[in-house]
Amino acid sequence: MKNYFFGIILSFVCIHMLFTTTAFSEDIPSALIAEKTYHFETVIEGDRVFHDFIIRNGGTAPLKIVKIESG
């Protein structure tokens, strides 16, 4: 009888874990970038140039930017 109840409880726990993982959840971040590259005009060596990229989170979870590279 104890094994029967243990099996039922284990089944419920497994089903709960299956449906609460991020693979099935709608809470995921989504980076939306309108302009992925930008090419500067001719620049004199030593001049500082700037450009702002707008990154918007289209998802519902926090978006973490962990690495940015310039080319």
N, C-alpha and C. Protein backbone atom coordinates (compact mmCIF):
# COMPACT_ATOMS: atom_id res chain seq x y z
N MET A 1 0.82 -1.19 0.00
CA MET A 1 0.00 0.00 0.00
C MET A 1 0.87 1.26 0.00
N LYS A 2 2.00 1.23 0.75
CA LYS A 2 2.88 2.38 0.79
C LYS A 2 3.51 2.61 -0.57
N ASN A 3 3.87 1.54 -1.26
CA ASN A 3 4.47 1.68 -2.58
C ASN A 3 3.49 2.30 -3.57
N TYR A 4 2.22 1.99 -3.44
CA TYR A 4 1.18 2.52 -4.31
C TYR A 4 1.09 4.05 -4.14
N PHE A 5 1.03 4.53 -2.90
CA PHE A 5 0.95 5.97 -2.63
C PHE A 5 2.24 6.67 -3.04
N PHE A 6 3.37 6.04 -2.81
CA PHE A 6 4.64 6.61 -3.22
C PHE A 6 4.69 6.78 -4.73
N GLY A 7 4.20 5.80 -5.46
CA GLY A 7 4.16 5.86 -6.93
C GLY A 7 3.27 6.99 -7.43
N ILE A 8 2.13 7.17 -6.79
CA ILE A 8 1.22 8.25 -7.18
C ILE A 8 1.85 9.61 -6.91
N ILE A 9 2.43 9.77 -5.74
CA ILE A 9 3.06 11.05 -5.39
C ILE A 9 4.23 11.33 -6.33
N LEU A 10 5.04 10.33 -6.61
CA LEU A 10 6.17 10.50 -7.52
C LEU A 10 5.68 10.89 -8.92
N SER A 11 4.60 10.30 -9.37
CA SER A 11 4.03 10.64 -10.68
C SER A 11 3.60 12.09 -10.72
N PHE A 12 2.91 12.56 -9.68
CA PHE A 12 2.47 13.96 -9.64
C PHE A 12 3.65 14.92 -9.62
N VAL A 13 4.69 14.57 -8.88
CA VAL A 13 5.87 15.42 -8.83
C VAL A 13 6.54 15.50 -10.20
N CYS A 14 6.67 14.38 -10.88
CA CYS A 14 7.29 14.36 -12.21
C CYS A 14 6.47 15.16 -13.21
N ILE A 15 5.16 15.01 -13.18
CA ILE A 15 4.30 15.76 -14.10
C ILE A 15 4.40 17.25 -13.81
N HIS A 16 4.41 17.63 -12.53
CA HIS A 16 4.54 19.03 -12.17
C HIS A 16 5.86 19.61 -12.67
N MET A 17 6.95 18.88 -12.50
CA MET A 17 8.26 19.35 -12.95
C MET A 17 8.31 19.47 -14.47
N LEU A 18 7.66 18.57 -15.16
CA LEU A 18 7.63 18.57 -16.62
C LEU A 18 6.97 19.84 -17.15
N PHE A 19 5.87 20.25 -16.55
CA PHE A 19 5.12 21.40 -17.05
C PHE A 19 5.57 22.73 -16.48
N THR A 20 6.52 22.74 -15.56
CA THR A 20 7.01 24.01 -15.02
C THR A 20 8.43 24.31 -15.46
N THR A 21 9.00 23.53 -16.36
CA THR A 21 10.33 23.82 -16.87
C THR A 21 10.25 24.95 -17.88
N THR A 22 11.38 25.60 -18.16
CA THR A 22 11.38 26.73 -19.09
C THR A 22 11.06 26.30 -20.51
N ALA A 23 11.23 25.02 -20.85
CA ALA A 23 10.93 24.58 -22.20
C ALA A 23 9.44 24.70 -22.49
N PHE A 24 8.61 24.57 -21.49
CA PHE A 24 7.16 24.64 -21.68
C PHE A 24 6.58 25.95 -21.16
N SER A 25 7.38 26.73 -20.52
CA SER A 25 6.91 27.97 -19.92
C SER A 25 6.96 29.09 -20.94
N GLU A 26 6.10 30.07 -20.77
CA GLU A 26 6.09 31.24 -21.64
C GLU A 26 7.04 32.31 -21.14
N ASP A 27 7.64 32.14 -19.97
CA ASP A 27 8.53 33.13 -19.38
C ASP A 27 9.94 32.96 -19.92
N ILE A 28 10.20 33.50 -21.11
CA ILE A 28 11.52 33.45 -21.69
C ILE A 28 11.87 34.84 -22.23
N PRO A 29 13.14 35.22 -22.19
CA PRO A 29 13.54 36.51 -22.76
C PRO A 29 13.65 36.41 -24.28
N SER A 30 13.51 37.54 -24.94
CA SER A 30 13.63 37.57 -26.38
C SER A 30 14.21 38.92 -26.79
N ALA A 31 15.46 38.94 -27.25
CA ALA A 31 16.11 40.19 -27.65
C ALA A 31 15.60 40.63 -29.01
N LEU A 32 15.07 41.84 -29.07
CA LEU A 32 14.61 42.41 -30.33
C LEU A 32 15.52 43.59 -30.67
N ILE A 33 16.26 43.46 -31.77
CA ILE A 33 17.23 44.47 -32.18
C ILE A 33 16.86 44.92 -33.59
N ALA A 34 16.44 46.17 -33.73
CA ALA A 34 16.04 46.67 -35.04
C ALA A 34 17.24 46.83 -35.96
N GLU A 35 18.35 47.31 -35.44
CA GLU A 35 19.55 47.59 -36.23
C GLU A 35 20.70 46.76 -35.65
N LYS A 36 21.08 45.68 -36.35
CA LYS A 36 22.09 44.77 -35.81
C LYS A 36 23.52 45.21 -36.13
N THR A 37 23.70 46.00 -37.17
CA THR A 37 25.03 46.50 -37.51
C THR A 37 24.94 47.99 -37.84
N TYR A 38 26.08 48.65 -37.74
CA TYR A 38 26.16 50.06 -38.10
C TYR A 38 27.56 50.31 -38.66
N HIS A 39 27.64 50.94 -39.81
CA HIS A 39 28.93 51.23 -40.43
C HIS A 39 29.17 52.73 -40.37
N PHE A 40 30.24 53.11 -39.70
CA PHE A 40 30.61 54.52 -39.61
C PHE A 40 31.21 54.98 -40.94
N GLU A 41 31.06 56.25 -41.21
CA GLU A 41 31.74 56.86 -42.36
C GLU A 41 33.23 56.91 -42.04
N THR A 42 34.02 57.46 -42.91
CA THR A 42 35.46 57.56 -42.69
C THR A 42 35.72 58.36 -41.41
N VAL A 43 36.60 57.81 -40.58
CA VAL A 43 36.91 58.42 -39.29
C VAL A 43 38.41 58.68 -39.23
N ILE A 44 38.78 59.86 -38.73
CA ILE A 44 40.20 60.18 -38.54
C ILE A 44 40.70 59.40 -37.33
N GLU A 45 41.86 58.80 -37.47
CA GLU A 45 42.41 57.99 -36.39
C GLU A 45 42.52 58.83 -35.11
N GLY A 46 42.06 58.28 -34.03
CA GLY A 46 42.08 58.95 -32.74
C GLY A 46 40.75 59.60 -32.38
N ASP A 47 39.87 59.84 -33.38
CA ASP A 47 38.55 60.39 -33.08
C ASP A 47 37.71 59.35 -32.38
N ARG A 48 36.86 59.82 -31.51
CA ARG A 48 35.93 58.91 -30.82
C ARG A 48 34.58 58.98 -31.52
N VAL A 49 34.03 57.85 -31.82
CA VAL A 49 32.72 57.79 -32.47
C VAL A 49 31.79 56.94 -31.62
N PHE A 50 30.51 57.26 -31.68
CA PHE A 50 29.52 56.57 -30.86
C PHE A 50 28.30 56.22 -31.71
N HIS A 51 27.64 55.18 -31.31
CA HIS A 51 26.35 54.82 -31.91
C HIS A 51 25.55 54.06 -30.86
N ASP A 52 24.30 54.39 -30.71
CA ASP A 52 23.43 53.70 -29.76
C ASP A 52 22.63 52.62 -30.47
N PHE A 53 22.66 51.43 -29.91
CA PHE A 53 21.83 50.34 -30.39
C PHE A 53 20.69 50.17 -29.41
N ILE A 54 19.49 50.07 -29.92
CA ILE A 54 18.31 49.87 -29.08
C ILE A 54 18.02 48.38 -29.03
N ILE A 55 18.05 47.82 -27.82
CA ILE A 55 17.73 46.41 -27.60
C ILE A 55 16.52 46.36 -26.70
N ARG A 56 15.48 45.70 -27.17
CA ARG A 56 14.23 45.62 -26.42
C ARG A 56 13.95 44.16 -26.07
N ASN A 57 13.45 43.95 -24.87
CA ASN A 57 13.09 42.61 -24.44
C ASN A 57 11.65 42.34 -24.86
N GLY A 58 11.48 41.44 -25.82
CA GLY A 58 10.15 41.09 -26.29
C GLY A 58 9.54 39.93 -25.52
N GLY A 59 10.28 39.38 -24.56
CA GLY A 59 9.78 38.26 -23.76
C GLY A 59 9.25 38.74 -22.42
N THR A 60 8.98 37.79 -21.56
CA THR A 60 8.42 38.12 -20.25
C THR A 60 9.42 37.91 -19.11
N ALA A 61 10.51 37.22 -19.39
CA ALA A 61 11.55 37.02 -18.37
C ALA A 61 12.63 38.10 -18.55
N PRO A 62 13.41 38.38 -17.52
CA PRO A 62 14.48 39.37 -17.65
C PRO A 62 15.49 38.97 -18.72
N LEU A 63 15.90 39.94 -19.51
CA LEU A 63 16.89 39.72 -20.57
C LEU A 63 18.26 40.09 -20.03
N LYS A 64 19.20 39.16 -20.07
CA LYS A 64 20.55 39.40 -19.58
C LYS A 64 21.50 39.44 -20.78
N ILE A 65 22.21 40.55 -20.93
CA ILE A 65 23.20 40.67 -21.98
C ILE A 65 24.54 40.36 -21.34
N VAL A 66 25.17 39.26 -21.75
CA VAL A 66 26.38 38.81 -21.09
C VAL A 66 27.65 39.10 -21.89
N LYS A 67 27.51 39.40 -23.20
CA LYS A 67 28.71 39.65 -24.00
C LYS A 67 28.34 40.49 -25.22
N ILE A 68 29.16 41.50 -25.47
CA ILE A 68 29.00 42.33 -26.66
C ILE A 68 30.36 42.42 -27.32
N GLU A 69 30.39 42.28 -28.65
CA GLU A 69 31.65 42.36 -29.39
C GLU A 69 31.52 43.38 -30.51
N SER A 70 32.61 44.05 -30.78
CA SER A 70 32.64 44.94 -31.94
C SER A 70 33.45 44.27 -33.03
N GLY A 71 33.19 44.65 -34.26
CA GLY A 71 33.87 43.98 -35.34
C GLY A 71 34.77 44.85 -36.01
